[in-house]
N, C-alpha and C. Protein backbone atom coordinates (compact mmCIF):
# COMPACT_ATOMS: atom_id res chain seq x y z
N PHE A 1 27.54 -55.04 39.32
CA PHE A 1 27.12 -55.27 38.01
C PHE A 1 27.60 -56.45 37.48
N ASN A 2 26.59 -57.44 36.95
CA ASN A 2 27.07 -58.59 36.37
C ASN A 2 27.77 -59.18 37.34
N GLY A 3 27.33 -59.27 38.80
CA GLY A 3 27.80 -60.45 39.93
C GLY A 3 28.94 -59.71 40.43
N GLU A 4 29.65 -58.53 39.82
CA GLU A 4 30.52 -57.73 40.63
C GLU A 4 30.38 -56.63 41.42
N ILE A 5 30.70 -56.41 42.66
CA ILE A 5 30.52 -55.40 43.32
C ILE A 5 31.30 -54.15 43.00
N GLY A 6 30.69 -52.99 42.53
CA GLY A 6 31.34 -51.91 41.74
C GLY A 6 31.62 -50.79 42.78
N ARG A 7 30.66 -50.66 43.92
CA ARG A 7 30.81 -49.85 44.96
C ARG A 7 29.98 -50.42 45.93
N GLU A 8 30.51 -50.31 47.28
CA GLU A 8 29.92 -50.63 48.34
C GLU A 8 29.61 -49.28 49.49
N LEU A 9 28.50 -49.00 49.64
CA LEU A 9 28.07 -47.89 50.69
C LEU A 9 27.60 -48.46 51.69
N ASP A 10 28.61 -47.73 53.03
CA ASP A 10 27.85 -48.23 54.43
C ASP A 10 27.30 -46.90 54.86
N LEU A 11 26.15 -46.90 54.72
CA LEU A 11 25.26 -45.56 55.42
C LEU A 11 24.54 -46.04 56.51
N ASP A 12 23.89 -44.93 57.07
CA ASP A 12 23.22 -45.32 58.21
C ASP A 12 21.63 -44.90 57.80
N TYR A 13 21.18 -45.73 57.29
CA TYR A 13 19.65 -45.94 56.90
C TYR A 13 18.67 -46.03 57.58
N ARG A 14 17.39 -45.05 57.84
CA ARG A 14 16.46 -45.32 58.60
C ARG A 14 15.38 -45.14 57.92
N VAL A 15 14.10 -45.92 57.80
CA VAL A 15 12.98 -45.88 57.31
C VAL A 15 11.86 -45.10 58.15
N ASN A 16 11.28 -44.00 57.76
CA ASN A 16 10.12 -43.31 58.31
C ASN A 16 10.54 -42.94 59.74
N PRO A 17 11.80 -42.20 59.72
CA PRO A 17 12.13 -41.75 61.15
C PRO A 17 11.26 -40.68 61.53
N PRO A 18 10.87 -40.33 62.88
CA PRO A 18 9.85 -39.30 63.16
C PRO A 18 10.70 -38.20 62.68
N LEU A 19 9.99 -37.00 62.24
CA LEU A 19 10.51 -35.45 61.97
C LEU A 19 9.86 -34.61 62.88
N ALA A 20 10.77 -33.69 63.41
CA ALA A 20 10.27 -32.84 64.46
C ALA A 20 9.51 -31.41 63.63
N ASP A 21 8.29 -31.08 63.84
CA ASP A 21 7.79 -29.93 63.46
C ASP A 21 8.63 -28.97 63.15
N SER A 22 9.68 -28.45 64.09
CA SER A 22 10.65 -27.47 63.82
C SER A 22 11.36 -27.46 62.46
N GLN A 23 11.50 -28.81 62.06
CA GLN A 23 12.23 -29.04 60.69
C GLN A 23 11.42 -28.25 59.24
N PHE A 24 10.30 -27.72 59.66
CA PHE A 24 9.50 -27.40 58.61
C PHE A 24 8.97 -25.95 58.80
N GLU A 25 9.81 -25.17 59.82
CA GLU A 25 9.76 -24.04 60.16
C GLU A 25 10.51 -23.08 59.45
N LEU A 26 10.16 -22.17 58.64
CA LEU A 26 11.19 -21.20 57.74
C LEU A 26 11.67 -20.51 58.71
N PRO A 27 13.19 -20.34 58.55
CA PRO A 27 14.15 -19.31 59.12
C PRO A 27 13.54 -18.06 59.28
N PRO A 28 13.87 -17.23 60.28
CA PRO A 28 13.47 -15.79 60.54
C PRO A 28 14.12 -15.13 59.66
N GLY A 29 13.52 -14.27 58.87
CA GLY A 29 13.89 -13.42 57.56
C GLY A 29 13.72 -13.73 56.45
N TYR A 30 13.26 -15.28 56.19
CA TYR A 30 13.19 -16.05 54.89
C TYR A 30 12.10 -15.19 54.18
N GLU A 31 12.47 -15.09 52.75
CA GLU A 31 11.62 -14.28 51.86
C GLU A 31 11.36 -15.51 50.76
N GLN A 32 10.16 -15.71 50.29
CA GLN A 32 10.19 -16.34 49.21
C GLN A 32 10.64 -16.02 47.71
N PRO A 33 11.45 -16.45 47.13
CA PRO A 33 12.19 -16.09 46.02
C PRO A 33 11.18 -15.77 44.81
N GLN A 34 11.30 -14.66 44.18
CA GLN A 34 10.37 -14.41 42.99
C GLN A 34 10.73 -15.19 42.02
N ALA A 35 9.47 -15.55 41.15
CA ALA A 35 10.13 -16.41 40.01
C ALA A 35 10.54 -15.41 38.99
N ALA A 36 11.33 -16.08 38.08
CA ALA A 36 12.10 -15.19 37.03
C ALA A 36 11.31 -15.30 35.84
N ALA A 37 11.11 -14.03 35.25
CA ALA A 37 10.38 -13.99 34.10
C ALA A 37 10.63 -14.92 32.93
N GLU A 38 9.86 -15.40 32.59
CA GLU A 38 9.71 -16.38 31.16
C GLU A 38 10.77 -15.98 30.28
N PRO A 39 11.49 -16.59 29.69
CA PRO A 39 12.45 -15.84 28.82
C PRO A 39 11.39 -15.86 27.33
N GLU A 40 11.62 -14.89 26.55
CA GLU A 40 10.95 -15.00 24.95
C GLU A 40 11.04 -16.37 24.52
N ARG A 41 10.14 -17.00 24.02
CA ARG A 41 10.46 -18.32 23.07
C ARG A 41 11.11 -18.16 22.31
N LEU A 42 10.93 -17.32 21.28
CA LEU A 42 11.72 -17.07 20.24
C LEU A 42 12.52 -15.90 20.01
N LYS A 43 14.00 -16.14 20.16
CA LYS A 43 14.65 -15.11 20.24
C LYS A 43 15.44 -14.33 18.96
N LYS A 44 14.93 -13.31 18.60
CA LYS A 44 15.46 -13.07 17.40
C LYS A 44 16.94 -12.75 17.50
N VAL A 45 17.74 -13.25 16.50
CA VAL A 45 19.31 -13.20 16.55
C VAL A 45 19.69 -12.12 15.46
N THR A 46 19.04 -11.88 14.32
CA THR A 46 19.36 -11.19 13.11
C THR A 46 17.93 -11.40 12.49
N ASP A 47 17.90 -10.35 11.10
CA ASP A 47 16.69 -10.22 10.44
C ASP A 47 16.54 -11.50 10.00
N ALA A 48 15.23 -12.03 10.53
CA ALA A 48 14.92 -13.45 9.84
C ALA A 48 15.40 -14.52 10.31
N VAL A 49 16.13 -14.60 11.33
CA VAL A 49 16.69 -15.79 12.26
C VAL A 49 16.48 -15.87 13.58
N TYR A 50 15.88 -16.84 14.10
CA TYR A 50 15.80 -16.95 15.50
C TYR A 50 16.31 -18.16 16.27
N LEU A 51 16.14 -18.15 17.36
CA LEU A 51 16.60 -19.33 18.10
C LEU A 51 15.39 -19.72 19.20
N ASP A 52 15.01 -21.07 19.25
CA ASP A 52 14.07 -21.36 20.26
C ASP A 52 14.67 -21.50 21.76
N SER A 53 14.52 -20.53 22.55
CA SER A 53 15.23 -20.36 23.88
C SER A 53 14.59 -21.79 24.66
N HIS A 54 13.83 -22.32 24.24
CA HIS A 54 13.17 -23.60 25.25
C HIS A 54 13.92 -24.84 24.63
N MET A 55 14.63 -24.84 23.21
CA MET A 55 15.07 -25.98 22.78
C MET A 55 16.37 -25.94 22.56
N SER A 56 17.50 -26.00 23.26
CA SER A 56 18.88 -25.68 22.69
C SER A 56 19.25 -26.01 21.50
N GLY A 57 20.01 -25.13 20.83
CA GLY A 57 20.44 -25.42 19.67
C GLY A 57 19.49 -25.03 18.38
N VAL A 58 18.36 -25.29 18.31
CA VAL A 58 17.42 -24.87 17.41
C VAL A 58 17.15 -23.48 17.08
N MET A 59 17.57 -23.54 15.75
CA MET A 59 17.25 -22.11 14.76
C MET A 59 16.33 -22.20 13.74
N ILE A 60 15.65 -21.18 13.75
CA ILE A 60 14.67 -20.82 12.72
C ILE A 60 15.03 -19.89 11.65
N VAL A 61 15.06 -19.85 10.47
CA VAL A 61 14.91 -19.13 9.49
C VAL A 61 13.78 -18.78 8.91
N GLU A 62 13.33 -17.43 8.78
CA GLU A 62 12.23 -17.14 8.24
C GLU A 62 12.17 -16.77 6.76
N PHE A 63 11.34 -17.34 5.74
CA PHE A 63 11.57 -16.75 4.46
C PHE A 63 9.98 -16.16 4.28
N GLN A 64 9.65 -15.60 3.06
CA GLN A 64 8.66 -14.88 2.85
C GLN A 64 7.27 -15.69 3.20
N ASP A 65 7.33 -16.73 2.82
CA ASP A 65 6.19 -17.59 2.86
C ASP A 65 6.18 -19.09 3.49
N PHE A 66 7.39 -19.23 4.20
CA PHE A 66 7.62 -20.56 4.90
C PHE A 66 8.55 -20.36 5.87
N LEU A 67 8.82 -21.44 6.73
CA LEU A 67 10.16 -21.36 7.50
C LEU A 67 10.87 -22.72 7.56
N VAL A 68 12.21 -22.51 8.05
CA VAL A 68 13.15 -23.54 7.89
C VAL A 68 13.64 -23.84 9.19
N VAL A 69 13.65 -25.08 9.84
CA VAL A 69 14.11 -25.26 11.07
C VAL A 69 15.42 -26.01 11.11
N VAL A 70 16.39 -25.54 11.79
CA VAL A 70 17.55 -26.34 12.08
C VAL A 70 17.85 -26.99 13.15
N GLN A 71 17.96 -28.25 13.45
CA GLN A 71 17.76 -29.26 14.38
C GLN A 71 16.54 -29.39 14.75
N CYS A 72 16.43 -30.62 15.29
CA CYS A 72 14.77 -31.34 15.64
C CYS A 72 15.24 -32.14 16.84
N PRO A 73 15.73 -31.55 18.00
CA PRO A 73 16.18 -32.34 19.09
C PRO A 73 14.97 -32.97 19.81
N GLY A 74 15.40 -34.02 20.51
CA GLY A 74 14.45 -34.84 21.38
C GLY A 74 13.43 -35.81 21.00
N ASP A 75 12.34 -35.64 21.31
CA ASP A 75 11.21 -36.58 20.54
C ASP A 75 10.12 -35.99 20.09
N TYR A 76 8.91 -36.40 19.94
CA TYR A 76 7.80 -35.71 19.04
C TYR A 76 7.39 -34.34 19.42
N ASN A 77 7.29 -34.88 21.34
CA ASN A 77 6.51 -33.73 22.12
C ASN A 77 7.40 -32.35 22.09
N MET A 78 8.60 -32.76 22.42
CA MET A 78 9.47 -31.78 22.46
C MET A 78 9.91 -30.92 21.09
N ALA A 79 9.84 -31.64 19.90
CA ALA A 79 9.78 -31.08 18.51
C ALA A 79 8.51 -30.26 18.24
N ASN A 80 7.39 -30.87 19.09
CA ASN A 80 6.17 -30.43 18.36
C ASN A 80 5.94 -29.09 19.10
N SER A 81 6.59 -28.79 20.40
CA SER A 81 6.61 -27.79 21.33
C SER A 81 7.07 -26.38 20.35
N THR A 82 8.11 -26.75 19.62
CA THR A 82 8.86 -25.65 18.89
C THR A 82 7.86 -25.49 17.71
N ILE A 83 7.34 -26.20 16.90
CA ILE A 83 6.25 -26.21 15.70
C ILE A 83 5.24 -25.43 16.49
N GLU A 84 4.58 -25.61 17.60
CA GLU A 84 3.49 -24.85 18.29
C GLU A 84 3.76 -23.59 18.33
N ALA A 85 4.84 -23.07 18.99
CA ALA A 85 5.44 -21.66 18.97
C ALA A 85 5.46 -21.29 17.73
N LEU A 86 6.04 -21.87 16.72
CA LEU A 86 6.02 -21.14 15.52
C LEU A 86 4.75 -20.87 14.74
N ARG A 87 3.74 -21.78 15.07
CA ARG A 87 2.41 -21.39 14.66
C ARG A 87 1.91 -20.31 15.07
N VAL A 88 2.01 -20.03 16.64
CA VAL A 88 1.49 -18.81 16.96
C VAL A 88 2.41 -17.52 16.51
N ALA A 89 3.56 -17.77 16.50
CA ALA A 89 4.45 -16.54 16.12
C ALA A 89 4.36 -16.01 14.54
N PHE A 90 4.29 -17.21 13.80
CA PHE A 90 4.03 -17.04 12.25
C PHE A 90 2.91 -17.80 11.91
N PRO A 91 1.81 -17.42 12.06
CA PRO A 91 0.56 -18.20 11.80
C PRO A 91 0.45 -18.46 10.34
N ASP A 92 0.91 -17.62 9.24
CA ASP A 92 0.73 -18.09 8.16
C ASP A 92 1.95 -18.52 7.30
N LYS A 93 2.93 -18.95 8.22
CA LYS A 93 4.17 -19.47 7.62
C LYS A 93 4.22 -20.94 7.98
N PRO A 94 4.26 -21.86 7.26
CA PRO A 94 4.35 -23.42 7.67
C PRO A 94 5.91 -23.44 7.86
N VAL A 95 6.21 -24.76 8.54
CA VAL A 95 7.68 -24.98 8.24
C VAL A 95 7.63 -26.06 6.99
N ARG A 96 8.44 -25.69 6.18
CA ARG A 96 8.68 -26.23 5.00
C ARG A 96 9.52 -27.09 5.26
N TYR A 97 10.73 -26.87 5.54
CA TYR A 97 11.93 -27.79 5.80
C TYR A 97 12.30 -27.99 7.43
N VAL A 98 13.03 -29.08 7.48
CA VAL A 98 13.62 -29.20 9.07
C VAL A 98 15.18 -29.89 8.71
N VAL A 99 16.11 -28.96 9.02
CA VAL A 99 17.54 -29.41 8.60
C VAL A 99 18.16 -29.74 9.80
N PRO A 100 18.22 -31.02 10.12
CA PRO A 100 19.06 -31.80 11.49
C PRO A 100 20.72 -32.05 10.96
N SER A 101 21.30 -31.73 11.84
CA SER A 101 22.96 -31.83 11.18
C SER A 101 23.27 -33.24 11.13
N HIS A 102 22.79 -34.16 12.05
CA HIS A 102 23.23 -35.39 12.15
C HIS A 102 22.30 -36.21 13.01
N THR A 103 22.27 -37.64 12.96
CA THR A 103 21.02 -38.40 13.52
C THR A 103 21.28 -38.64 14.81
N HIS A 104 22.10 -37.88 15.93
CA HIS A 104 21.81 -38.25 17.09
C HIS A 104 20.44 -37.45 17.69
N GLY A 105 19.97 -38.14 18.50
CA GLY A 105 18.80 -37.83 19.05
C GLY A 105 18.35 -36.49 19.62
N ASP A 106 19.60 -35.74 20.04
CA ASP A 106 19.76 -34.32 20.36
C ASP A 106 20.04 -33.47 19.30
N HIS A 107 19.70 -34.19 17.80
CA HIS A 107 19.89 -32.97 16.71
C HIS A 107 18.74 -33.49 15.76
N GLY A 108 18.39 -34.75 15.76
CA GLY A 108 17.26 -35.10 14.70
C GLY A 108 16.32 -36.05 15.25
N GLY A 109 16.01 -36.18 16.75
CA GLY A 109 15.23 -37.34 17.24
C GLY A 109 13.76 -36.96 17.23
N GLY A 110 13.55 -35.44 17.30
CA GLY A 110 12.18 -35.11 16.74
C GLY A 110 11.51 -34.92 15.78
N ALA A 111 12.12 -35.44 14.55
CA ALA A 111 11.81 -35.64 13.04
C ALA A 111 10.38 -35.98 12.94
N ARG A 112 10.01 -36.79 13.87
CA ARG A 112 8.58 -37.33 13.46
C ARG A 112 7.67 -36.45 13.72
N ALA A 113 7.53 -35.38 14.34
CA ALA A 113 6.85 -34.20 14.73
C ALA A 113 6.88 -33.39 13.27
N TYR A 114 8.31 -32.96 13.05
CA TYR A 114 8.17 -32.48 11.65
C TYR A 114 7.56 -33.32 10.22
N PHE A 115 7.45 -34.54 10.61
CA PHE A 115 7.27 -35.43 9.46
C PHE A 115 5.41 -35.06 9.33
N HIS A 116 5.00 -34.99 10.74
CA HIS A 116 3.42 -34.79 10.98
C HIS A 116 3.25 -33.48 10.42
N ALA A 117 4.00 -32.72 10.67
CA ALA A 117 3.51 -31.22 10.36
C ALA A 117 3.59 -30.86 8.82
N GLY A 118 4.30 -31.90 8.16
CA GLY A 118 4.36 -31.52 6.62
C GLY A 118 5.70 -31.04 6.20
N ALA A 119 6.46 -31.20 6.96
CA ALA A 119 7.83 -30.55 6.67
C ALA A 119 8.74 -31.42 6.00
N THR A 120 9.64 -31.09 5.02
CA THR A 120 10.45 -32.02 4.36
C THR A 120 11.83 -32.05 5.43
N LEU A 121 12.30 -33.06 5.53
CA LEU A 121 13.39 -33.36 6.09
C LEU A 121 14.50 -33.31 4.87
N VAL A 122 15.52 -32.34 5.13
CA VAL A 122 16.83 -32.14 4.26
C VAL A 122 18.08 -32.71 4.81
N THR A 123 18.66 -33.62 4.27
CA THR A 123 19.88 -34.43 4.96
C THR A 123 20.52 -35.05 3.60
N THR A 124 21.70 -35.69 4.19
CA THR A 124 22.51 -36.30 2.90
C THR A 124 22.17 -37.59 2.70
N PRO A 125 22.74 -38.18 1.85
CA PRO A 125 22.10 -39.53 1.48
C PRO A 125 22.49 -40.90 2.35
N GLY A 126 23.66 -40.41 3.31
CA GLY A 126 24.04 -41.36 4.26
C GLY A 126 23.24 -41.25 5.63
N HIS A 127 22.48 -40.17 5.72
CA HIS A 127 21.58 -40.06 6.99
C HIS A 127 20.07 -40.46 6.60
N ALA A 128 19.76 -40.50 5.25
CA ALA A 128 18.36 -40.62 4.94
C ALA A 128 17.79 -41.91 5.50
N GLU A 129 18.11 -43.06 5.35
CA GLU A 129 17.71 -44.21 5.94
C GLU A 129 17.35 -44.31 7.33
N PHE A 130 18.40 -43.57 8.09
CA PHE A 130 17.87 -43.26 9.42
C PHE A 130 16.65 -42.49 9.75
N TYR A 131 16.23 -41.69 9.07
CA TYR A 131 15.22 -40.92 9.22
C TYR A 131 13.82 -41.93 8.69
N ARG A 132 14.06 -42.30 7.61
CA ARG A 132 13.16 -43.19 7.19
C ARG A 132 12.54 -44.48 8.16
N ARG A 133 13.71 -45.19 8.74
CA ARG A 133 13.56 -45.96 9.69
C ARG A 133 12.86 -45.40 11.00
N LEU A 134 13.27 -43.98 11.54
CA LEU A 134 12.48 -43.64 12.55
C LEU A 134 11.20 -43.20 12.22
N ALA A 135 10.84 -43.08 10.76
CA ALA A 135 9.39 -42.71 10.48
C ALA A 135 8.57 -43.89 10.56
N ARG A 136 9.29 -45.24 10.48
CA ARG A 136 8.54 -46.32 10.56
C ARG A 136 8.27 -47.06 11.92
N VAL A 137 8.97 -46.65 13.01
CA VAL A 137 8.95 -46.92 14.15
C VAL A 137 7.38 -46.93 14.62
N SER A 138 7.22 -47.92 15.29
CA SER A 138 5.35 -48.14 15.59
C SER A 138 5.63 -48.26 17.50
N ARG A 139 5.35 -47.08 17.73
CA ARG A 139 5.19 -46.60 19.34
C ARG A 139 3.87 -47.28 19.88
N THR A 140 3.97 -48.41 20.41
CA THR A 140 2.67 -49.09 21.10
C THR A 140 2.44 -48.53 22.16
N ILE A 141 3.32 -48.46 23.20
CA ILE A 141 2.81 -47.84 24.46
C ILE A 141 2.26 -46.57 24.54
N SER A 142 3.29 -45.62 23.97
CA SER A 142 2.59 -44.35 23.89
C SER A 142 2.61 -43.69 22.35
N PRO A 143 1.80 -43.99 21.78
CA PRO A 143 1.89 -43.64 20.18
C PRO A 143 1.74 -41.76 20.28
N ASP A 144 2.52 -41.35 19.43
CA ASP A 144 2.34 -40.03 18.80
C ASP A 144 1.53 -39.90 17.67
N PRO A 145 0.92 -38.68 17.43
CA PRO A 145 0.17 -38.77 16.21
C PRO A 145 0.59 -38.77 14.82
N TYR A 146 1.94 -38.95 14.65
CA TYR A 146 2.46 -39.43 13.50
C TYR A 146 1.79 -40.83 13.10
N ASP A 147 2.20 -41.67 14.41
CA ASP A 147 1.97 -42.86 14.21
C ASP A 147 0.42 -43.38 13.71
N ALA A 148 -0.34 -42.43 14.16
CA ALA A 148 -1.85 -42.70 13.55
C ALA A 148 -2.00 -42.38 12.18
N ALA A 149 -0.82 -41.23 11.80
CA ALA A 149 -1.28 -40.67 10.26
C ALA A 149 -0.81 -41.48 9.32
N LYS A 150 0.05 -42.60 9.44
CA LYS A 150 0.56 -43.65 8.67
C LYS A 150 0.97 -42.90 7.16
N ALA A 151 1.66 -41.71 7.44
CA ALA A 151 2.26 -40.92 6.18
C ALA A 151 3.51 -41.29 5.84
N ALA A 152 3.78 -41.23 4.80
CA ALA A 152 5.29 -41.47 4.34
C ALA A 152 6.07 -40.15 4.50
N PRO A 153 7.12 -40.26 5.22
CA PRO A 153 8.01 -38.87 5.33
C PRO A 153 8.44 -38.20 4.04
N SER A 154 8.36 -36.89 4.13
CA SER A 154 8.92 -36.44 3.02
C SER A 154 10.86 -36.20 3.37
N ILE A 155 11.56 -36.70 2.43
CA ILE A 155 12.86 -36.52 2.87
C ILE A 155 13.39 -36.17 1.47
N GLU A 156 14.50 -35.18 1.54
CA GLU A 156 15.17 -34.75 0.38
C GLU A 156 16.65 -34.84 0.68
N THR A 157 17.35 -35.47 -0.02
CA THR A 157 18.80 -35.55 -0.02
C THR A 157 19.48 -34.61 -0.91
N PHE A 158 20.78 -34.19 -0.85
CA PHE A 158 21.69 -33.52 -1.29
C PHE A 158 23.04 -33.90 -1.11
N ARG A 159 23.89 -33.50 -2.11
CA ARG A 159 25.62 -33.76 -1.97
C ARG A 159 26.05 -32.39 -2.12
N GLY A 160 27.17 -32.11 -1.48
CA GLY A 160 27.78 -30.84 -1.68
C GLY A 160 26.96 -29.54 -0.97
N LYS A 161 26.14 -29.04 -1.67
CA LYS A 161 25.40 -27.85 -0.99
C LYS A 161 24.19 -28.12 -1.44
N ARG A 162 22.90 -27.43 -0.41
CA ARG A 162 21.56 -27.43 -0.82
C ARG A 162 21.24 -25.91 -0.81
N VAL A 163 20.60 -25.15 -1.38
CA VAL A 163 20.39 -23.94 -1.53
C VAL A 163 18.62 -23.75 -1.32
N ILE A 164 18.23 -23.16 -0.12
CA ILE A 164 16.77 -22.99 -0.02
C ILE A 164 16.55 -21.27 -0.12
N SER A 165 15.75 -20.98 -0.78
CA SER A 165 15.61 -19.60 -1.19
C SER A 165 14.09 -19.18 -1.80
N ASP A 166 13.43 -17.97 -1.49
CA ASP A 166 12.48 -17.60 -1.72
C ASP A 166 12.70 -16.51 -2.83
N GLY A 167 13.73 -16.09 -3.09
CA GLY A 167 14.16 -14.92 -4.04
C GLY A 167 14.61 -13.71 -3.28
N HIS A 168 14.28 -13.64 -1.78
CA HIS A 168 14.62 -12.77 -1.07
C HIS A 168 15.89 -13.09 -0.04
N GLN A 169 15.47 -14.34 0.84
CA GLN A 169 15.84 -14.88 1.74
C GLN A 169 16.84 -16.16 1.26
N THR A 170 18.10 -16.38 1.19
CA THR A 170 18.75 -17.43 0.84
C THR A 170 19.63 -18.14 2.23
N MET A 171 19.45 -19.65 2.09
CA MET A 171 20.07 -20.08 3.35
C MET A 171 20.62 -21.48 2.33
N VAL A 172 21.93 -21.55 2.63
CA VAL A 172 22.82 -22.42 1.99
C VAL A 172 23.29 -23.74 3.12
N VAL A 173 22.91 -24.86 2.65
CA VAL A 173 23.41 -25.98 3.68
C VAL A 173 24.49 -26.77 3.06
N HIS A 174 25.64 -27.12 3.76
CA HIS A 174 26.69 -27.70 3.12
C HIS A 174 26.82 -28.94 3.61
N ASP A 175 27.07 -29.98 2.89
CA ASP A 175 27.43 -31.47 3.26
C ASP A 175 29.02 -31.21 3.69
N ILE A 176 29.23 -31.43 4.93
CA ILE A 176 30.66 -31.35 5.35
C ILE A 176 31.52 -33.20 5.56
N GLY A 177 30.58 -33.92 5.22
CA GLY A 177 31.13 -35.21 5.26
C GLY A 177 30.70 -35.72 6.26
């Protein structure tokens, strides 16, 4: 690293050694393992609250006419997989809000997919500029659909607490600093 040896390994390396056919034979009595059943994508936790079993930490709160997603990890494609699963499970309910807890990629990196889906990102004033910059990133090598849309992101900031309600279901988001 930078001209210094960090670790030196002394192993016996061979390139393309001949392999005996016996190395590819299955042992006697071997049985191919059965594939485990695919877990349900949206796991219901309680009334109107779900977890995305494919995206660790993503919670969905169902309201009468819309959905709120808490956390948007990964990148555009990872976050969009949650959005697509929600479109299948709740075809008449758009994702109205996405609420990442903070700006690390494993909590808010997929925000662009939610911007593209028309969701409003709810965050504190200190995090808003990060998400505005994330929305402006121009991906020239592998552009995502949000790149082509050239739309301004919908970002709503709050201090203290933000109440999201439809008159039947209520969710309170707190700014803990």
